[in-house]
Amino acid sequence: MHPKSIKRVLERDVFVDDFNEVKSQISCNYNWRRHLKPIVEAMSVEEILEMDKYYDENHIEIHELIEIIKRLLELTV
């Protein structure tokens, strides 16, 4: 989840990192339909790509979601 999407939807500032518990920052009574689903639906493509990127050992930017889709498409060939 992108922190800007969380801010837009829930009007809360949340720190998002690879290993922190964002759900507990969102609410102590966390609920998928009330909290996460609206945030995910509000995320732009740019926000999704920003949050799913990482760098390999050669410092090449990789987008996890795009890699998953490519692998799924390879299964159809």
PDB file of N, CA and C in Angstrom:
ATOM      1  N   MET A   1       0.832  -1.174   0.000  1.00  0.00           N
ATOM      2  CA  MET A   1       0.000   0.000   0.000  1.00  0.00           C
ATOM      3  C   MET A   1       0.881   1.243   0.000  1.00  0.00           C
ATOM      4  N   HIS A   2       0.467   2.197  -0.759  1.00  0.00           N
ATOM      5  CA  HIS A   2       1.216   3.448  -0.841  1.00  0.00           C
ATOM      6  C   HIS A   2       0.732   4.397   0.261  1.00  0.00           C
ATOM      7  N   PRO A   3       1.664   5.055   0.954  1.00  0.00           N
ATOM      8  CA  PRO A   3       1.258   5.963   2.028  1.00  0.00           C
ATOM      9  C   PRO A   3       0.347   7.103   1.563  1.00  0.00           C
ATOM     10  N   LYS A   4       0.515   7.554   0.321  1.00  0.00           N
ATOM     11  CA  LYS A   4      -0.357   8.620  -0.189  1.00  0.00           C
ATOM     12  C   LYS A   4      -1.791   8.129  -0.364  1.00  0.00           C
ATOM     13  N   SER A   5      -1.954   6.866  -0.770  1.00  0.00           N
ATOM     14  CA  SER A   5      -3.292   6.291  -0.903  1.00  0.00           C
ATOM     15  C   SER A   5      -3.949   6.146   0.467  1.00  0.00           C
ATOM     16  N   ILE A   6      -3.165   5.720   1.422  1.00  0.00           N
ATOM     17  CA  ILE A   6      -3.693   5.596   2.786  1.00  0.00           C
ATOM     18  C   ILE A   6      -4.148   6.963   3.288  1.00  0.00           C
ATOM     19  N   LYS A   7      -3.337   7.961   3.042  1.00  0.00           N
ATOM     20  CA  LYS A   7      -3.677   9.332   3.465  1.00  0.00           C
ATOM     21  C   LYS A   7      -4.954   9.808   2.780  1.00  0.00           C
ATOM     22  N   ARG A   8      -5.080   9.571   1.465  1.00  0.00           N
ATOM     23  CA  ARG A   8      -6.274  10.006   0.732  1.00  0.00           C
ATOM     24  C   ARG A   8      -7.535   9.330   1.252  1.00  0.00           C
ATOM     25  N   VAL A   9      -7.456   8.038   1.495  1.00  0.00           N
ATOM     26  CA  VAL A   9      -8.645   7.273   1.856  1.00  0.00           C
ATOM     27  C   VAL A   9      -8.980   7.377   3.344  1.00  0.00           C
ATOM     28  N   LEU A  10      -7.977   7.186   4.191  1.00  0.00           N
ATOM     29  CA  LEU A  10      -8.230   7.139   5.634  1.00  0.00           C
ATOM     30  C   LEU A  10      -7.828   8.406   6.384  1.00  0.00           C
ATOM     31  N   GLU A  11      -7.218   9.339   5.653  1.00  0.00           N
ATOM     32  CA  GLU A  11      -6.759  10.592   6.254  1.00  0.00           C
ATOM     33  C   GLU A  11      -5.822  10.346   7.439  1.00  0.00           C
ATOM     34  N   ARG A  12      -4.916   9.379   7.246  1.00  0.00           N
ATOM     35  CA  ARG A  12      -3.919   9.048   8.265  1.00  0.00           C
ATOM     36  C   ARG A  12      -2.544   9.001   7.627  1.00  0.00           C
ATOM     37  N   ASP A  13      -1.573   9.504   8.366  1.00  0.00           N
ATOM     38  CA  ASP A  13      -0.187   9.373   7.942  1.00  0.00           C
ATOM     39  C   ASP A  13       0.357   8.058   8.478  1.00  0.00           C
ATOM     40  N   VAL A  14       0.824   7.217   7.565  1.00  0.00           N
ATOM     41  CA  VAL A  14       1.321   5.899   7.936  1.00  0.00           C
ATOM     42  C   VAL A  14       2.689   5.697   7.298  1.00  0.00           C
ATOM     43  N   PHE A  15       3.607   5.138   8.062  1.00  0.00           N
ATOM     44  CA  PHE A  15       4.926   4.795   7.550  1.00  0.00           C
ATOM     45  C   PHE A  15       4.860   3.401   6.941  1.00  0.00           C
ATOM     46  N   VAL A  16       5.207   3.280   5.672  1.00  0.00           N
ATOM     47  CA  VAL A  16       5.170   1.997   4.975  1.00  0.00           C
ATOM     48  C   VAL A  16       6.599   1.603   4.623  1.00  0.00           C
ATOM     49  N   ASP A  17       6.981   0.420   5.089  1.00  0.00           N
ATOM     50  CA  ASP A  17       8.311  -0.122   4.835  1.00  0.00           C
ATOM     51  C   ASP A  17       8.135  -1.595   4.479  1.00  0.00           C
ATOM     52  N   ASP A  18       9.204  -2.222   4.034  1.00  0.00           N
ATOM     53  CA  ASP A  18       9.121  -3.634   3.650  1.00  0.00           C
ATOM     54  C   ASP A  18       8.694  -4.542   4.795  1.00  0.00           C
ATOM     55  N   PHE A  19       9.046  -4.181   6.012  1.00  0.00           N
ATOM     56  CA  PHE A  19       8.845  -5.129   7.114  1.00  0.00           C
ATOM     57  C   PHE A  19       8.030  -4.582   8.282  1.00  0.00           C
ATOM     58  N   ASN A  20       7.355  -3.460   8.119  1.00  0.00           N
ATOM     59  CA  ASN A  20       6.549  -2.984   9.237  1.00  0.00           C
ATOM     60  C   ASN A  20       5.098  -3.429   9.105  1.00  0.00           C
ATOM     61  N   GLU A  21       4.386  -3.374  10.181  1.00  0.00           N
ATOM     62  CA  GLU A  21       3.005  -3.851  10.247  1.00  0.00           C
ATOM     63  C   GLU A  21       2.062  -2.674   9.977  1.00  0.00           C
ATOM     64  N   VAL A  22       1.758  -2.450   8.709  1.00  0.00           N
ATOM     65  CA  VAL A  22       0.933  -1.312   8.310  1.00  0.00           C
ATOM     66  C   VAL A  22      -0.489  -1.458   8.850  1.00  0.00           C
ATOM     67  N   LYS A  23      -1.013  -2.672   8.861  1.00  0.00           N
ATOM     68  CA  LYS A  23      -2.383  -2.877   9.335  1.00  0.00           C
ATOM     69  C   LYS A  23      -2.585  -2.350  10.745  1.00  0.00           C
ATOM     70  N   SER A  24      -1.617  -2.560  11.607  1.00  0.00           N
ATOM     71  CA  SER A  24      -1.762  -2.089  12.986  1.00  0.00           C
ATOM     72  C   SER A  24      -1.695  -0.564  13.064  1.00  0.00           C
ATOM     73  N   GLN A  25      -1.015   0.071  12.105  1.00  0.00           N
ATOM     74  CA  GLN A  25      -0.986   1.531  12.060  1.00  0.00           C
ATOM     75  C   GLN A  25      -2.307   2.107  11.542  1.00  0.00           C
ATOM     76  N   ILE A  26      -2.978   1.323  10.710  1.00  0.00           N
ATOM     77  CA  ILE A  26      -4.241   1.780  10.132  1.00  0.00           C
ATOM     78  C   ILE A  26      -5.351   1.742  11.172  1.00  0.00           C
ATOM     79  N   SER A  27      -5.449   0.634  11.900  1.00  0.00           N
ATOM     80  CA  SER A  27      -6.527   0.501  12.873  1.00  0.00           C
ATOM     81  C   SER A  27      -6.261  -0.680  13.789  1.00  0.00           C
ATOM     82  N   CYS A  28      -6.659  -0.538  15.053  1.00  0.00           N
ATOM     83  CA  CYS A  28      -6.557  -1.688  15.959  1.00  0.00           C
ATOM     84  C   CYS A  28      -7.686  -2.679  15.698  1.00  0.00           C
ATOM     85  N   ASN A  29      -8.741  -2.226  15.006  1.00  0.00           N
ATOM     86  CA  ASN A  29      -9.852  -3.092  14.601  1.00  0.00           C
ATOM     87  C   ASN A  29      -9.851  -3.240  13.086  1.00  0.00           C
ATOM     88  N   TYR A  30      -8.709  -3.631  12.570  1.00  0.00           N
ATOM     89  CA  TYR A  30      -8.490  -3.717  11.121  1.00  0.00           C
ATOM     90  C   TYR A  30      -9.532  -4.606  10.449  1.00  0.00           C
ATOM     91  N   ASN A  31     -10.044  -4.117   9.307  1.00  0.00           N
ATOM     92  CA  ASN A  31     -11.039  -4.851   8.540  1.00  0.00           C
ATOM     93  C   ASN A  31     -10.744  -4.688   7.054  1.00  0.00           C
ATOM     94  N   TRP A  32     -10.696  -5.789   6.306  1.00  0.00           N
ATOM     95  CA  TRP A  32     -10.361  -5.764   4.874  1.00  0.00           C
ATOM     96  C   TRP A  32     -11.272  -4.824   4.093  1.00  0.00           C
ATOM     97  N   ARG A  33     -12.575  -5.003   4.210  1.00  0.00           N
ATOM     98  CA  ARG A  33     -13.515  -4.203   3.408  1.00  0.00           C
ATOM     99  C   ARG A  33     -13.499  -2.726   3.793  1.00  0.00           C
ATOM    100  N   ARG A  34     -13.301  -2.452   5.031  1.00  0.00           N
ATOM    101  CA  ARG A  34     -13.359  -1.071   5.507  1.00  0.00           C
ATOM    102  C   ARG A  34     -12.035  -0.332   5.325  1.00  0.00           C
ATOM    103  N   HIS A  35     -10.919  -1.049   5.391  1.00  0.00           N
ATOM    104  CA  HIS A  35      -9.614  -0.394   5.370  1.00  0.00           C
ATOM    105  C   HIS A  35      -8.804  -0.698   4.108  1.00  0.00           C
ATOM    106  N   LEU A  36      -8.425  -1.938   3.917  1.00  0.00           N
ATOM    107  CA  LEU A  36      -7.498  -2.263   2.837  1.00  0.00           C
ATOM    108  C   LEU A  36      -8.120  -2.137   1.450  1.00  0.00           C
ATOM    109  N   LYS A  37      -9.283  -2.686   1.248  1.00  0.00           N
ATOM    110  CA  LYS A  37      -9.904  -2.674  -0.083  1.00  0.00           C
ATOM    111  C   LYS A  37     -10.034  -1.256  -0.638  1.00  0.00           C
ATOM    112  N   PRO A  38     -10.548  -0.283   0.110  1.00  0.00           N
ATOM    113  CA  PRO A  38     -10.631   1.072  -0.439  1.00  0.00           C
ATOM    114  C   PRO A  38      -9.264   1.686  -0.759  1.00  0.00           C
ATOM    115  N   ILE A  39      -8.261   1.335   0.026  1.00  0.00           N
ATOM    116  CA  ILE A  39      -6.908   1.857  -0.237  1.00  0.00           C
ATOM    117  C   ILE A  39      -6.362   1.275  -1.530  1.00  0.00           C
ATOM    118  N   VAL A  40      -6.486  -0.033  -1.685  1.00  0.00           N
ATOM    119  CA  VAL A  40      -5.992  -0.692  -2.906  1.00  0.00           C
ATOM    120  C   VAL A  40      -6.715  -0.145  -4.126  1.00  0.00           C
ATOM    121  N   GLU A  41      -8.014   0.025  -4.038  1.00  0.00           N
ATOM    122  CA  GLU A  41      -8.786   0.551  -5.174  1.00  0.00           C
ATOM    123  C   GLU A  41      -8.418   1.998  -5.502  1.00  0.00           C
ATOM    124  N   ALA A  42      -7.932   2.743  -4.529  1.00  0.00           N
ATOM    125  CA  ALA A  42      -7.579   4.148  -4.743  1.00  0.00           C
ATOM    126  C   ALA A  42      -6.163   4.341  -5.270  1.00  0.00           C
ATOM    127  N   MET A  43      -5.352   3.286  -5.248  1.00  0.00           N
ATOM    128  CA  MET A  43      -3.965   3.426  -5.684  1.00  0.00           C
ATOM    129  C   MET A  43      -3.874   3.631  -7.191  1.00  0.00           C
ATOM    130  N   SER A  44      -3.039   4.570  -7.591  1.00  0.00           N
ATOM    131  CA  SER A  44      -2.784   4.789  -9.013  1.00  0.00           C
ATOM    132  C   SER A  44      -1.756   3.764  -9.498  1.00  0.00           C
ATOM    133  N   VAL A  45      -1.633   3.648 -10.810  1.00  0.00           N
ATOM    134  CA  VAL A  45      -0.633   2.744 -11.387  1.00  0.00           C
ATOM    135  C   VAL A  45       0.762   3.158 -10.922  1.00  0.00           C
ATOM    136  N   GLU A  46       1.007   4.455 -10.907  1.00  0.00           N
ATOM    137  CA  GLU A  46       2.319   4.952 -10.476  1.00  0.00           C
ATOM    138  C   GLU A  46       2.613   4.568  -9.029  1.00  0.00           C
ATOM    139  N   GLU A  47       1.611   4.659  -8.173  1.00  0.00           N
ATOM    140  CA  GLU A  47       1.799   4.287  -6.763  1.00  0.00           C
ATOM    141  C   GLU A  47       2.051   2.792  -6.618  1.00  0.00           C
ATOM    142  N   ILE A  48       1.338   1.990  -7.375  1.00  0.00           N
ATOM    143  CA  ILE A  48       1.546   0.541  -7.329  1.00  0.00           C
ATOM    144  C   ILE A  48       2.967   0.209  -7.757  1.00  0.00           C
ATOM    145  N   LEU A  49       3.395   0.787  -8.872  1.00  0.00           N
ATOM    146  CA  LEU A  49       4.742   0.498  -9.374  1.00  0.00           C
ATOM    147  C   LEU A  49       5.820   1.015  -8.426  1.00  0.00           C
ATOM    148  N   GLU A  50       5.562   2.123  -7.775  1.00  0.00           N
ATOM    149  CA  GLU A  50       6.538   2.633  -6.811  1.00  0.00           C
ATOM    150  C   GLU A  50       6.695   1.682  -5.624  1.00  0.00           C
ATOM    151  N   MET A  51       5.597   1.092  -5.182  1.00  0.00           N
ATOM    152  CA  MET A  51       5.652   0.238  -3.996  1.00  0.00           C
ATOM    153  C   MET A  51       6.121  -1.182  -4.298  1.00  0.00           C
ATOM    154  N   ASP A  52       6.035  -1.622  -5.537  1.00  0.00           N
ATOM    155  CA  ASP A  52       6.429  -3.004  -5.822  1.00  0.00           C
ATOM    156  C   ASP A  52       7.826  -3.132  -6.424  1.00  0.00           C
ATOM    157  N   LYS A  53       8.537  -2.017  -6.546  1.00  0.00           N
ATOM    158  CA  LYS A  53       9.863  -2.099  -7.184  1.00  0.00           C
ATOM    159  C   LYS A  53      10.942  -2.509  -6.178  1.00  0.00           C
ATOM    160  N   TYR A  54      11.924  -3.170  -6.730  1.00  0.00           N
ATOM    161  CA  TYR A  54      13.131  -3.511  -5.980  1.00  0.00           C
ATOM    162  C   TYR A  54      14.279  -3.576  -6.973  1.00  0.00           C
ATOM    163  N   TYR A  55      15.482  -3.725  -6.464  1.00  0.00           N
ATOM    164  CA  TYR A  55      16.663  -3.754  -7.320  1.00  0.00           C
ATOM    165  C   TYR A  55      17.384  -5.079  -7.159  1.00  0.00           C
ATOM    166  N   ASP A  56      17.791  -5.662  -8.273  1.00  0.00           N
ATOM    167  CA  ASP A  56      18.525  -6.925  -8.201  1.00  0.00           C
ATOM    168  C   ASP A  56      19.997  -6.658  -7.870  1.00  0.00           C
ATOM    169  N   GLU A  57      20.785  -7.716  -7.873  1.00  0.00           N
ATOM    170  CA  GLU A  57      22.201  -7.603  -7.504  1.00  0.00           C
ATOM    171  C   GLU A  57      23.003  -6.713  -8.453  1.00  0.00           C
ATOM    172  N   ASN A  58      22.479  -6.486  -9.681  1.00  0.00           N
ATOM    173  CA  ASN A  58      23.133  -5.606 -10.653  1.00  0.00           C
ATOM    174  C   ASN A  58      22.556  -4.187 -10.626  1.00  0.00           C
ATOM    175  N   HIS A  59      21.756  -3.913  -9.611  1.00  0.00           N
ATOM    176  CA  HIS A  59      21.130  -2.599  -9.421  1.00  0.00           C
ATOM    177  C   HIS A  59      20.146  -2.253 -10.536  1.00  0.00           C
ATOM    178  N   ILE A  60      19.532  -3.283 -11.092  1.00  0.00           N
ATOM    179  CA  ILE A  60      18.512  -3.085 -12.121  1.00  0.00           C
ATOM    180  C   ILE A  60      17.156  -3.068 -11.431  1.00  0.00           C
ATOM    181  N   GLU A  61      16.369  -2.046 -11.760  1.00  0.00           N
ATOM    182  CA  GLU A  61      15.038  -1.920 -11.160  1.00  0.00           C
ATOM    183  C   GLU A  61      14.112  -2.999 -11.692  1.00  0.00           C
ATOM    184  N   ILE A  62      13.425  -3.669 -10.789  1.00  0.00           N
ATOM    185  CA  ILE A  62      12.482  -4.725 -11.154  1.00  0.00           C
ATOM    186  C   ILE A  62      11.162  -4.433 -10.451  1.00  0.00           C
ATOM    187  N   HIS A  63      10.069  -4.685 -11.173  1.00  0.00           N
ATOM    188  CA  HIS A  63       8.735  -4.516 -10.592  1.00  0.00           C
ATOM    189  C   HIS A  63       8.131  -5.900 -10.394  1.00  0.00           C
ATOM    190  N   GLU A  64       7.898  -6.217  -9.165  1.00  0.00           N
ATOM    191  CA  GLU A  64       7.426  -7.554  -8.805  1.00  0.00           C
ATOM    192  C   GLU A  64       6.118  -7.911  -9.504  1.00  0.00           C
ATOM    193  N   LEU A  65       5.174  -7.005  -9.531  1.00  0.00           N
ATOM    194  CA  LEU A  65       3.884  -7.295 -10.161  1.00  0.00           C
ATOM    195  C   LEU A  65       4.040  -7.568 -11.658  1.00  0.00           C
ATOM    196  N   ILE A  66       4.850  -6.789 -12.326  1.00  0.00           N
ATOM    197  CA  ILE A  66       5.084  -7.001 -13.755  1.00  0.00           C
ATOM    198  C   ILE A  66       5.752  -8.352 -13.995  1.00  0.00           C
ATOM    199  N   GLU A  67       6.694  -8.720 -13.140  1.00  0.00           N
ATOM    200  CA  GLU A  67       7.357 -10.024 -13.266  1.00  0.00           C
ATOM    201  C   GLU A  67       6.369 -11.170 -13.071  1.00  0.00           C
ATOM    202  N   ILE A  68       5.464 -11.040 -12.136  1.00  0.00           N
ATOM    203  CA  ILE A  68       4.442 -12.069 -11.908  1.00  0.00           C
ATOM    204  C   ILE A  68       3.565 -12.212 -13.147  1.00  0.00           C
ATOM    205  N   ILE A  69       3.132 -11.087 -13.704  1.00  0.00           N
ATOM    206  CA  ILE A  69       2.274 -11.127 -14.897  1.00  0.00           C
ATOM    207  C   ILE A  69       3.015 -11.755 -16.071  1.00  0.00           C
ATOM    208  N   LYS A  70       4.281 -11.394 -16.257  1.00  0.00           N
ATOM    209  CA  LYS A  70       5.077 -11.998 -17.340  1.00  0.00           C
ATOM    210  C   LYS A  70       5.152 -13.508 -17.177  1.00  0.00           C
ATOM    211  N   ARG A  71       5.397 -13.968 -15.974  1.00  0.00           N
ATOM    212  CA  ARG A  71       5.498 -15.421 -15.743  1.00  0.00           C
ATOM    213  C   ARG A  71       4.169 -16.123 -15.975  1.00  0.00           C
ATOM    214  N   LEU A  72       3.084 -15.485 -15.600  1.00  0.00           N
ATOM    215  CA  LEU A  72       1.770 -16.070 -15.856  1.00  0.00           C
ATOM    216  C   LEU A  72       1.494 -16.154 -17.362  1.00  0.00           C
ATOM    217  N   LEU A  73       1.866 -15.123 -18.081  1.00  0.00           N
ATOM    218  CA  LEU A  73       1.676 -15.135 -19.533  1.00  0.00           C
ATOM    219  C   LEU A  73       2.527 -16.204 -20.202  1.00  0.00           C
ATOM    220  N   GLU A  74       3.712 -16.443 -19.676  1.00  0.00           N
ATOM    221  CA  GLU A  74       4.571 -17.494 -20.226  1.00  0.00           C
ATOM    222  C   GLU A  74       3.930 -18.880 -20.083  1.00  0.00           C
ATOM    223  N   LEU A  75       3.102 -19.057 -19.082  1.00  0.00           N
ATOM    224  CA  LEU A  75       2.425 -20.332 -18.881  1.00  0.00           C
ATOM    225  C   LEU A  75       1.368 -20.608 -19.959  1.00  0.00           C
ATOM    226  N   THR A  76       0.912 -19.558 -20.617  1.00  0.00           N
ATOM    227  CA  THR A  76      -0.131 -19.732 -21.636  1.00  0.00           C
ATOM    228  C   THR A  76       0.436 -20.090 -22.996  1.00  0.00           C
ATOM    229  N   VAL A  77       1.754 -20.021 -23.149  1.00  0.00           N
ATOM    230  CA  VAL A  77       2.386 -20.285 -24.441  1.00  0.00           C
ATOM    231  C   VAL A  77       2.606 -21.754 -24.618  1.00  0.00           C
TER     232      VAL A  77
END
